[in-house]
């Protein structure tokens, strides 16, 4: 199981807000049935690495299809193969 954190910044949209792009990304994740958490600065998604890479590319392209001229996307992948892992387990290990 992998955990992917993604954030993107659309450039050249004519607006400082880009929550509508994040909403589209959330709709995509819901359609895919992926487990995710939206934070104030990024979205964390859980799944297999191949599936996460595909959805990351689709999320990156959302602002382009909506008219952005440039998109800066940051992705971090944490994959653990030595034992079962998930988002809730990680959080519960540090917050008691």
PDB file of N, CA and C in Angstrom:
ATOM      1  N   UNK A   1       0.851  -1.176   0.000  1.00  0.00           N
ATOM      2  CA  UNK A   1       0.000   0.000   0.000  1.00  0.00           C
ATOM      3  C   UNK A   1       0.892   1.234   0.000  1.00  0.00           C
ATOM      4  N   UNK A   2       0.514   2.190  -0.821  1.00  0.00           N
ATOM      5  CA  UNK A   2       1.255   3.449  -0.900  1.00  0.00           C
ATOM      6  C   UNK A   2       0.367   4.599  -0.459  1.00  0.00           C
ATOM      7  N   UNK A   3       1.018   5.643  -0.015  1.00  0.00           N
ATOM      8  CA  UNK A   3       0.337   6.882   0.322  1.00  0.00           C
ATOM      9  C   UNK A   3       0.978   7.974  -0.520  1.00  0.00           C
ATOM     10  N   UNK A   4       0.154   8.697  -1.260  1.00  0.00           N
ATOM     11  CA  UNK A   4       0.629   9.756  -2.144  1.00  0.00           C
ATOM     12  C   UNK A   4       0.073  11.076  -1.647  1.00  0.00           C
ATOM     13  N   UNK A   5       0.945  12.059  -1.529  1.00  0.00           N
ATOM     14  CA  UNK A   5       0.513  13.413  -1.206  1.00  0.00           C
ATOM     15  C   UNK A   5       0.713  14.261  -2.453  1.00  0.00           C
ATOM     16  N   UNK A   6      -0.312  15.023  -2.823  1.00  0.00           N
ATOM     17  CA  UNK A   6      -0.228  15.842  -4.029  1.00  0.00           C
ATOM     18  C   UNK A   6      -0.779  17.235  -3.743  1.00  0.00           C
ATOM     19  N   UNK A   7      -0.108  18.223  -4.301  1.00  0.00           N
ATOM     20  CA  UNK A   7      -0.659  19.570  -4.339  1.00  0.00           C
ATOM     21  C   UNK A   7      -0.268  20.195  -5.662  1.00  0.00           C
ATOM     22  N   UNK A   8      -1.104  21.063  -6.144  1.00  0.00           N
ATOM     23  CA  UNK A   8      -0.824  21.714  -7.426  1.00  0.00           C
ATOM     24  C   UNK A   8      -1.205  23.177  -7.345  1.00  0.00           C
ATOM     25  N   UNK A   9      -0.535  23.966  -8.178  1.00  0.00           N
ATOM     26  CA  UNK A   9      -0.815  25.395  -8.265  1.00  0.00           C
ATOM     27  C   UNK A   9      -1.010  25.730  -9.734  1.00  0.00           C
ATOM     28  N   UNK A  10      -2.246  26.036 -10.139  1.00  0.00           N
ATOM     29  CA  UNK A  10      -2.472  26.470 -11.515  1.00  0.00           C
ATOM     30  C   UNK A  10      -2.009  27.914 -11.680  1.00  0.00           C
ATOM     31  N   UNK A  11      -1.354  28.190 -12.774  1.00  0.00           N
ATOM     32  CA  UNK A  11      -0.843  29.532 -13.060  1.00  0.00           C
ATOM     33  C   UNK A  11      -1.507  30.020 -14.347  1.00  0.00           C
ATOM     34  N   UNK A  12      -1.863  31.286 -14.373  1.00  0.00           N
ATOM     35  CA  UNK A  12      -2.452  31.853 -15.582  1.00  0.00           C
ATOM     36  C   UNK A  12      -3.937  31.596 -15.707  1.00  0.00           C
ATOM     37  N   UNK A  13      -4.638  31.540 -14.562  1.00  0.00           N
ATOM     38  CA  UNK A  13      -6.084  31.301 -14.609  1.00  0.00           C
ATOM     39  C   UNK A  13      -6.894  32.584 -14.498  1.00  0.00           C
ATOM     40  N   UNK A  14      -6.242  33.688 -14.114  1.00  0.00           N
ATOM     41  CA  UNK A  14      -6.962  34.942 -13.941  1.00  0.00           C
ATOM     42  C   UNK A  14      -7.608  35.079 -12.569  1.00  0.00           C
ATOM     43  N   UNK A  15      -7.372  34.107 -11.678  1.00  0.00           N
ATOM     44  CA  UNK A  15      -7.946  34.158 -10.337  1.00  0.00           C
ATOM     45  C   UNK A  15      -6.938  33.617  -9.326  1.00  0.00           C
ATOM     46  N   UNK A  16      -6.960  34.183  -8.131  1.00  0.00           N
ATOM     47  CA  UNK A  16      -6.073  33.690  -7.069  1.00  0.00           C
ATOM     48  C   UNK A  16      -6.610  32.409  -6.446  1.00  0.00           C
ATOM     49  N   UNK A  17      -7.904  32.157  -6.611  1.00  0.00           N
ATOM     50  CA  UNK A  17      -8.536  30.969  -6.033  1.00  0.00           C
ATOM     51  C   UNK A  17      -8.445  29.786  -6.993  1.00  0.00           C
ATOM     52  N   UNK A  18      -8.233  28.604  -6.429  1.00  0.00           N
ATOM     53  CA  UNK A  18      -8.291  27.414  -7.272  1.00  0.00           C
ATOM     54  C   UNK A  18      -8.996  26.256  -6.578  1.00  0.00           C
ATOM     55  N   UNK A  19      -9.903  26.593  -5.665  1.00  0.00           N
ATOM     56  CA  UNK A  19     -10.658  25.554  -4.968  1.00  0.00           C
ATOM     57  C   UNK A  19     -11.531  24.745  -5.930  1.00  0.00           C
ATOM     58  N   UNK A  20     -11.987  25.355  -7.019  1.00  0.00           N
ATOM     59  CA  UNK A  20     -12.806  24.603  -7.977  1.00  0.00           C
ATOM     60  C   UNK A  20     -11.998  23.467  -8.617  1.00  0.00           C
ATOM     61  N   UNK A  21     -10.694  23.680  -8.813  1.00  0.00           N
ATOM     62  CA  UNK A  21      -9.841  22.618  -9.353  1.00  0.00           C
ATOM     63  C   UNK A  21      -9.690  21.482  -8.344  1.00  0.00           C
ATOM     64  N   UNK A  22      -9.561  21.851  -7.072  1.00  0.00           N
ATOM     65  CA  UNK A  22      -9.445  20.837  -6.019  1.00  0.00           C
ATOM     66  C   UNK A  22     -10.754  20.055  -5.922  1.00  0.00           C
ATOM     67  N   UNK A  23     -11.873  20.741  -6.058  1.00  0.00           N
ATOM     68  CA  UNK A  23     -13.159  20.047  -6.049  1.00  0.00           C
ATOM     69  C   UNK A  23     -13.242  19.028  -7.181  1.00  0.00           C
ATOM     70  N   UNK A  24     -12.748  19.386  -8.346  1.00  0.00           N
ATOM     71  CA  UNK A  24     -12.731  18.430  -9.467  1.00  0.00           C
ATOM     72  C   UNK A  24     -11.857  17.229  -9.152  1.00  0.00           C
ATOM     73  N   UNK A  25     -10.726  17.479  -8.495  1.00  0.00           N
ATOM     74  CA  UNK A  25      -9.834  16.378  -8.115  1.00  0.00           C
ATOM     75  C   UNK A  25     -10.532  15.452  -7.127  1.00  0.00           C
ATOM     76  N   UNK A  26     -11.255  16.016  -6.179  1.00  0.00           N
ATOM     77  CA  UNK A  26     -11.989  15.209  -5.204  1.00  0.00           C
ATOM     78  C   UNK A  26     -13.076  14.384  -5.900  1.00  0.00           C
ATOM     79  N   UNK A  27     -13.761  14.968  -6.855  1.00  0.00           N
ATOM     80  CA  UNK A  27     -14.766  14.224  -7.625  1.00  0.00           C
ATOM     81  C   UNK A  27     -14.117  13.040  -8.346  1.00  0.00           C
ATOM     82  N   UNK A  28     -12.945  13.265  -8.912  1.00  0.00           N
ATOM     83  CA  UNK A  28     -12.207  12.194  -9.584  1.00  0.00           C
ATOM     84  C   UNK A  28     -11.877  11.072  -8.595  1.00  0.00           C
ATOM     85  N   UNK A  29     -11.392  11.428  -7.423  1.00  0.00           N
ATOM     86  CA  UNK A  29     -11.045  10.430  -6.408  1.00  0.00           C
ATOM     87  C   UNK A  29     -12.282   9.654  -5.960  1.00  0.00           C
ATOM     88  N   UNK A  30     -13.390  10.350  -5.805  1.00  0.00           N
ATOM     89  CA  UNK A  30     -14.637   9.663  -5.442  1.00  0.00           C
ATOM     90  C   UNK A  30     -15.076   8.693  -6.534  1.00  0.00           C
ATOM     91  N   UNK A  31     -14.964   9.121  -7.781  1.00  0.00           N
ATOM     92  CA  UNK A  31     -15.312   8.261  -8.909  1.00  0.00           C
ATOM     93  C   UNK A  31     -14.454   7.004  -8.915  1.00  0.00           C
ATOM     94  N   UNK A  32     -13.175   7.154  -8.586  1.00  0.00           N
ATOM     95  CA  UNK A  32     -12.242   6.022  -8.564  1.00  0.00           C
ATOM     96  C   UNK A  32     -12.391   5.165  -7.316  1.00  0.00           C
ATOM     97  N   UNK A  33     -13.115   5.655  -6.325  1.00  0.00           N
ATOM     98  CA  UNK A  33     -13.282   4.912  -5.087  1.00  0.00           C
ATOM     99  C   UNK A  33     -12.033   4.869  -4.231  1.00  0.00           C
ATOM    100  N   UNK A  34     -11.162   5.865  -4.415  1.00  0.00           N
ATOM    101  CA  UNK A  34      -9.924   5.901  -3.640  1.00  0.00           C
ATOM    102  C   UNK A  34     -10.154   6.574  -2.290  1.00  0.00           C
ATOM    103  N   UNK A  35      -9.427   6.102  -1.299  1.00  0.00           N
ATOM    104  CA  UNK A  35      -9.463   6.682   0.032  1.00  0.00           C
ATOM    105  C   UNK A  35      -8.542   7.904   0.034  1.00  0.00           C
ATOM    106  N   UNK A  36      -9.025   9.038   0.555  1.00  0.00           N
ATOM    107  CA  UNK A  36      -8.232  10.264   0.531  1.00  0.00           C
ATOM    108  C   UNK A  36      -8.589  11.159   1.706  1.00  0.00           C
ATOM    109  N   UNK A  37      -7.715  12.114   1.968  1.00  0.00           N
ATOM    110  CA  UNK A  37      -7.949  13.167   2.950  1.00  0.00           C
ATOM    111  C   UNK A  37      -7.502  14.475   2.323  1.00  0.00           C
ATOM    112  N   UNK A  38      -8.375  15.463   2.338  1.00  0.00           N
ATOM    113  CA  UNK A  38      -8.028  16.798   1.867  1.00  0.00           C
ATOM    114  C   UNK A  38      -7.537  17.591   3.077  1.00  0.00           C
ATOM    115  N   UNK A  39      -6.369  18.203   2.936  1.00  0.00           N
ATOM    116  CA  UNK A  39      -5.823  19.052   3.996  1.00  0.00           C
ATOM    117  C   UNK A  39      -5.832  20.498   3.479  1.00  0.00           C
ATOM    118  N   UNK A  40      -5.499  21.461   4.303  1.00  0.00           N
ATOM    119  CA  UNK A  40      -5.490  22.842   3.820  1.00  0.00           C
ATOM    120  C   UNK A  40      -4.513  23.103   2.671  1.00  0.00           C
ATOM    121  N   UNK A  41      -3.469  22.286   2.546  1.00  0.00           N
ATOM    122  CA  UNK A  41      -2.458  22.567   1.528  1.00  0.00           C
ATOM    123  C   UNK A  41      -2.199  21.426   0.547  1.00  0.00           C
ATOM    124  N   UNK A  42      -2.832  20.271   0.749  1.00  0.00           N
ATOM    125  CA  UNK A  42      -2.601  19.152  -0.159  1.00  0.00           C
ATOM    126  C   UNK A  42      -3.701  18.116   0.003  1.00  0.00           C
ATOM    127  N   UNK A  43      -3.623  17.088  -0.805  1.00  0.00           N
ATOM    128  CA  UNK A  43      -4.533  15.957  -0.699  1.00  0.00           C
ATOM    129  C   UNK A  43      -3.685  14.704  -0.562  1.00  0.00           C
ATOM    130  N   UNK A  44      -4.050  13.844   0.378  1.00  0.00           N
ATOM    131  CA  UNK A  44      -3.334  12.604   0.631  1.00  0.00           C
ATOM    132  C   UNK A  44      -4.236  11.468   0.169  1.00  0.00           C
ATOM    133  N   UNK A  45      -3.673  10.562  -0.644  1.00  0.00           N
ATOM    134  CA  UNK A  45      -4.450   9.491  -1.259  1.00  0.00           C
ATOM    135  C   UNK A  45      -3.778   8.164  -0.951  1.00  0.00           C
ATOM    136  N   UNK A  46      -4.593   7.139  -0.720  1.00  0.00           N
ATOM    137  CA  UNK A  46      -4.086   5.816  -0.397  1.00  0.00           C
ATOM    138  C   UNK A  46      -4.449   4.841  -1.517  1.00  0.00           C
ATOM    139  N   UNK A  47      -3.514   3.962  -1.894  1.00  0.00           N
ATOM    140  CA  UNK A  47      -3.794   2.964  -2.923  1.00  0.00           C
ATOM    141  C   UNK A  47      -2.521   2.286  -3.379  1.00  0.00           C
ATOM    142  N   UNK A  48      -2.631   1.519  -4.461  1.00  0.00           N
ATOM    143  CA  UNK A  48      -1.408   0.913  -4.999  1.00  0.00           C
ATOM    144  C   UNK A  48      -0.675   1.946  -5.859  1.00  0.00           C
ATOM    145  N   UNK A  49       0.621   1.811  -5.933  1.00  0.00           N
ATOM    146  CA  UNK A  49       1.464   2.832  -6.560  1.00  0.00           C
ATOM    147  C   UNK A  49       1.073   3.103  -8.006  1.00  0.00           C
ATOM    148  N   UNK A  50       0.815   2.073  -8.766  1.00  0.00           N
ATOM    149  CA  UNK A  50       0.468   2.251 -10.183  1.00  0.00           C
ATOM    150  C   UNK A  50      -0.813   3.084 -10.329  1.00  0.00           C
ATOM    151  N   UNK A  51      -1.812   2.754  -9.533  1.00  0.00           N
ATOM    152  CA  UNK A  51      -3.072   3.480  -9.574  1.00  0.00           C
ATOM    153  C   UNK A  51      -2.881   4.935  -9.130  1.00  0.00           C
ATOM    154  N   UNK A  52      -2.063   5.138  -8.102  1.00  0.00           N
ATOM    155  CA  UNK A  52      -1.819   6.486  -7.607  1.00  0.00           C
ATOM    156  C   UNK A  52      -1.082   7.348  -8.627  1.00  0.00           C
ATOM    157  N   UNK A  53      -0.138   6.769  -9.341  1.00  0.00           N
ATOM    158  CA  UNK A  53       0.578   7.528 -10.367  1.00  0.00           C
ATOM    159  C   UNK A  53      -0.370   7.974 -11.485  1.00  0.00           C
ATOM    160  N   UNK A  54      -1.283   7.089 -11.857  1.00  0.00           N
ATOM    161  CA  UNK A  54      -2.244   7.430 -12.903  1.00  0.00           C
ATOM    162  C   UNK A  54      -3.169   8.564 -12.451  1.00  0.00           C
ATOM    163  N   UNK A  55      -3.690   8.454 -11.240  1.00  0.00           N
ATOM    164  CA  UNK A  55      -4.601   9.488 -10.766  1.00  0.00           C
ATOM    165  C   UNK A  55      -3.859  10.803 -10.524  1.00  0.00           C
ATOM    166  N   UNK A  56      -2.592  10.743 -10.130  1.00  0.00           N
ATOM    167  CA  UNK A  56      -1.796  11.967  -9.960  1.00  0.00           C
ATOM    168  C   UNK A  56      -1.666  12.704 -11.295  1.00  0.00           C
ATOM    169  N   UNK A  57      -1.432  11.959 -12.367  1.00  0.00           N
ATOM    170  CA  UNK A  57      -1.347  12.587 -13.688  1.00  0.00           C
ATOM    171  C   UNK A  57      -2.679  13.227 -14.074  1.00  0.00           C
ATOM    172  N   UNK A  58      -3.768  12.548 -13.779  1.00  0.00           N
ATOM    173  CA  UNK A  58      -5.092  13.100 -14.098  1.00  0.00           C
ATOM    174  C   UNK A  58      -5.372  14.365 -13.280  1.00  0.00           C
ATOM    175  N   UNK A  59      -4.999  14.350 -12.007  1.00  0.00           N
ATOM    176  CA  UNK A  59      -5.179  15.537 -11.167  1.00  0.00           C
ATOM    177  C   UNK A  59      -4.335  16.694 -11.700  1.00  0.00           C
ATOM    178  N   UNK A  60      -3.099  16.405 -12.073  1.00  0.00           N
ATOM    179  CA  UNK A  60      -2.214  17.431 -12.635  1.00  0.00           C
ATOM    180  C   UNK A  60      -2.841  18.086 -13.867  1.00  0.00           C
ATOM    181  N   UNK A  61      -3.557  17.317 -14.661  1.00  0.00           N
ATOM    182  CA  UNK A  61      -4.123  17.839 -15.908  1.00  0.00           C
ATOM    183  C   UNK A  61      -5.446  18.578 -15.742  1.00  0.00           C
ATOM    184  N   UNK A  62      -6.082  18.498 -14.584  1.00  0.00           N
ATOM    185  CA  UNK A  62      -7.367  19.173 -14.384  1.00  0.00           C
ATOM    186  C   UNK A  62      -7.279  20.670 -14.690  1.00  0.00           C
ATOM    187  N   UNK A  63      -6.331  21.407 -14.124  1.00  0.00           N
ATOM    188  CA  UNK A  63      -6.292  22.844 -14.433  1.00  0.00           C
ATOM    189  C   UNK A  63      -6.050  23.146 -15.919  1.00  0.00           C
ATOM    190  N   UNK A  64      -5.279  22.300 -16.599  1.00  0.00           N
ATOM    191  CA  UNK A  64      -5.044  22.519 -18.034  1.00  0.00           C
ATOM    192  C   UNK A  64      -6.345  22.420 -18.816  1.00  0.00           C
ATOM    193  N   UNK A  65      -7.145  21.416 -18.510  1.00  0.00           N
ATOM    194  CA  UNK A  65      -8.402  21.261 -19.263  1.00  0.00           C
ATOM    195  C   UNK A  65      -9.384  22.386 -18.956  1.00  0.00           C
ATOM    196  N   UNK A  66      -9.167  23.060 -17.836  1.00  0.00           N
ATOM    197  CA  UNK A  66     -10.024  24.181 -17.461  1.00  0.00           C
ATOM    198  C   UNK A  66      -9.414  25.538 -17.809  1.00  0.00           C
ATOM    199  N   UNK A  67      -8.343  25.546 -18.609  1.00  0.00           N
ATOM    200  CA  UNK A  67      -7.815  26.802 -19.132  1.00  0.00           C
ATOM    201  C   UNK A  67      -6.525  27.328 -18.548  1.00  0.00           C
ATOM    202  N   UNK A  68      -5.957  26.676 -17.558  1.00  0.00           N
ATOM    203  CA  UNK A  68      -4.681  27.146 -17.009  1.00  0.00           C
ATOM    204  C   UNK A  68      -3.588  27.010 -18.063  1.00  0.00           C
ATOM    205  N   UNK A  69      -2.655  27.930 -18.038  1.00  0.00           N
ATOM    206  CA  UNK A  69      -1.544  27.906 -18.984  1.00  0.00           C
ATOM    207  C   UNK A  69      -0.324  27.196 -18.420  1.00  0.00           C
ATOM    208  N   UNK A  70      -0.307  27.047 -17.087  1.00  0.00           N
ATOM    209  CA  UNK A  70       0.831  26.413 -16.430  1.00  0.00           C
ATOM    210  C   UNK A  70       0.342  25.794 -15.122  1.00  0.00           C
ATOM    211  N   UNK A  71       0.893  24.632 -14.771  1.00  0.00           N
ATOM    212  CA  UNK A  71       0.529  23.972 -13.518  1.00  0.00           C
ATOM    213  C   UNK A  71       1.808  23.459 -12.858  1.00  0.00           C
ATOM    214  N   UNK A  72       1.994  23.813 -11.604  1.00  0.00           N
ATOM    215  CA  UNK A  72       3.122  23.325 -10.823  1.00  0.00           C
ATOM    216  C   UNK A  72       2.553  22.303  -9.835  1.00  0.00           C
ATOM    217  N   UNK A  73       3.016  21.050  -9.942  1.00  0.00           N
ATOM    218  CA  UNK A  73       2.495  19.967  -9.106  1.00  0.00           C
ATOM    219  C   UNK A  73       3.631  19.344  -8.306  1.00  0.00           C
ATOM    220  N   UNK A  74       3.381  19.150  -7.016  1.00  0.00           N
ATOM    221  CA  UNK A  74       4.329  18.460  -6.138  1.00  0.00           C
ATOM    222  C   UNK A  74       3.701  17.150  -5.690  1.00  0.00           C
ATOM    223  N   UNK A  75       4.492  16.079  -5.773  1.00  0.00           N
ATOM    224  CA  UNK A  75       4.018  14.751  -5.398  1.00  0.00           C
ATOM    225  C   UNK A  75       5.046  14.103  -4.473  1.00  0.00           C
ATOM    226  N   UNK A  76       4.540  13.485  -3.416  1.00  0.00           N
ATOM    227  CA  UNK A  76       5.390  12.676  -2.549  1.00  0.00           C
ATOM    228  C   UNK A  76       4.715  11.308  -2.428  1.00  0.00           C
ATOM    229  N   UNK A  77       5.475  10.247  -2.609  1.00  0.00           N
ATOM    230  CA  UNK A  77       4.954   8.892  -2.472  1.00  0.00           C
ATOM    231  C   UNK A  77       5.716   8.199  -1.353  1.00  0.00           C
ATOM    232  N   UNK A  78       4.966   7.593  -0.460  1.00  0.00           N
ATOM    233  CA  UNK A  78       5.555   6.805   0.620  1.00  0.00           C
ATOM    234  C   UNK A  78       4.979   5.398   0.502  1.00  0.00           C
ATOM    235  N   UNK A  79       5.825   4.463   0.140  1.00  0.00           N
ATOM    236  CA  UNK A  79       5.401   3.076  -0.023  1.00  0.00           C
ATOM    237  C   UNK A  79       6.151   2.210   0.970  1.00  0.00           C
ATOM    238  N   UNK A  80       5.407   1.454   1.730  1.00  0.00           N
ATOM    239  CA  UNK A  80       6.016   0.584   2.728  1.00  0.00           C
ATOM    240  C   UNK A  80       5.701  -0.859   2.360  1.00  0.00           C
ATOM    241  N   UNK A  81       6.732  -1.690   2.286  1.00  0.00           N
ATOM    242  CA  UNK A  81       6.548  -3.083   1.882  1.00  0.00           C
ATOM    243  C   UNK A  81       6.839  -4.087   2.993  1.00  0.00           C
ATOM    244  N   UNK A  82       7.285  -3.603   4.149  1.00  0.00           N
ATOM    245  CA  UNK A  82       7.645  -4.529   5.219  1.00  0.00           C
ATOM    246  C   UNK A  82       6.470  -4.917   6.114  1.00  0.00           C
ATOM    247  N   UNK A  83       5.379  -4.117   6.080  1.00  0.00           N
ATOM    248  CA  UNK A  83       4.201  -4.443   6.880  1.00  0.00           C
ATOM    249  C   UNK A  83       3.006  -3.652   6.348  1.00  0.00           C
ATOM    250  N   UNK A  84       1.793  -4.102   6.687  1.00  0.00           N
ATOM    251  CA  UNK A  84       0.598  -3.367   6.242  1.00  0.00           C
ATOM    252  C   UNK A  84       0.610  -1.939   6.780  1.00  0.00           C
ATOM    253  N   UNK A  85       0.093  -1.023   5.988  1.00  0.00           N
ATOM    254  CA  UNK A  85       0.161   0.386   6.337  1.00  0.00           C
ATOM    255  C   UNK A  85      -1.052   1.096   5.756  1.00  0.00           C
ATOM    256  N   UNK A  86      -1.517   2.141   6.443  1.00  0.00           N
ATOM    257  CA  UNK A  86      -2.562   2.999   5.897  1.00  0.00           C
ATOM    258  C   UNK A  86      -2.535   4.345   6.612  1.00  0.00           C
ATOM    259  N   UNK A  87      -3.325   5.287   6.118  1.00  0.00           N
ATOM    260  CA  UNK A  87      -3.306   6.647   6.647  1.00  0.00           C
ATOM    261  C   UNK A  87      -3.727   6.705   8.109  1.00  0.00           C
ATOM    262  N   UNK A  88      -4.808   6.007   8.452  1.00  0.00           N
ATOM    263  CA  UNK A  88      -5.320   6.067   9.825  1.00  0.00           C
ATOM    264  C   UNK A  88      -4.299   5.503  10.813  1.00  0.00           C
ATOM    265  N   UNK A  89      -3.653   4.411  10.431  1.00  0.00           N
ATOM    266  CA  UNK A  89      -2.665   3.793  11.308  1.00  0.00           C
ATOM    267  C   UNK A  89      -1.525   4.772  11.582  1.00  0.00           C
ATOM    268  N   UNK A  90      -1.072   5.443  10.560  1.00  0.00           N
ATOM    269  CA  UNK A  90       0.027   6.393  10.745  1.00  0.00           C
ATOM    270  C   UNK A  90      -0.352   7.528  11.681  1.00  0.00           C
ATOM    271  N   UNK A  91      -1.551   8.058  11.503  1.00  0.00           N
ATOM    272  CA  UNK A  91      -1.986   9.161  12.352  1.00  0.00           C
ATOM    273  C   UNK A  91      -2.172   8.676  13.788  1.00  0.00           C
ATOM    274  N   UNK A  92      -2.786   7.510  13.957  1.00  0.00           N
ATOM    275  CA  UNK A  92      -3.033   7.011  15.316  1.00  0.00           C
ATOM    276  C   UNK A  92      -1.736   6.702  16.064  1.00  0.00           C
ATOM    277  N   UNK A  93      -0.676   6.416  15.346  1.00  0.00           N
ATOM    278  CA  UNK A  93       0.609   6.132  15.991  1.00  0.00           C
ATOM    279  C   UNK A  93       1.243   7.372  16.618  1.00  0.00           C
ATOM    280  N   UNK A  94       0.849   8.551  16.167  1.00  0.00           N
ATOM    281  CA  UNK A  94       1.443   9.774  16.715  1.00  0.00           C
ATOM    282  C   UNK A  94       0.456  10.599  17.549  1.00  0.00           C
ATOM    283  N   UNK A  95      -0.834  10.340  17.372  1.00  0.00           N
ATOM    284  CA  UNK A  95      -1.852  11.048  18.151  1.00  0.00           C
ATOM    285  C   UNK A  95      -2.567  10.021  19.018  1.00  0.00           C
ATOM    286  N   UNK A  96      -2.423  10.170  20.313  1.00  0.00           N
ATOM    287  CA  UNK A  96      -3.105   9.212  21.190  1.00  0.00           C
ATOM    288  C   UNK A  96      -4.128   9.864  22.063  1.00  0.00           C
TER     289      UNK A  96
END
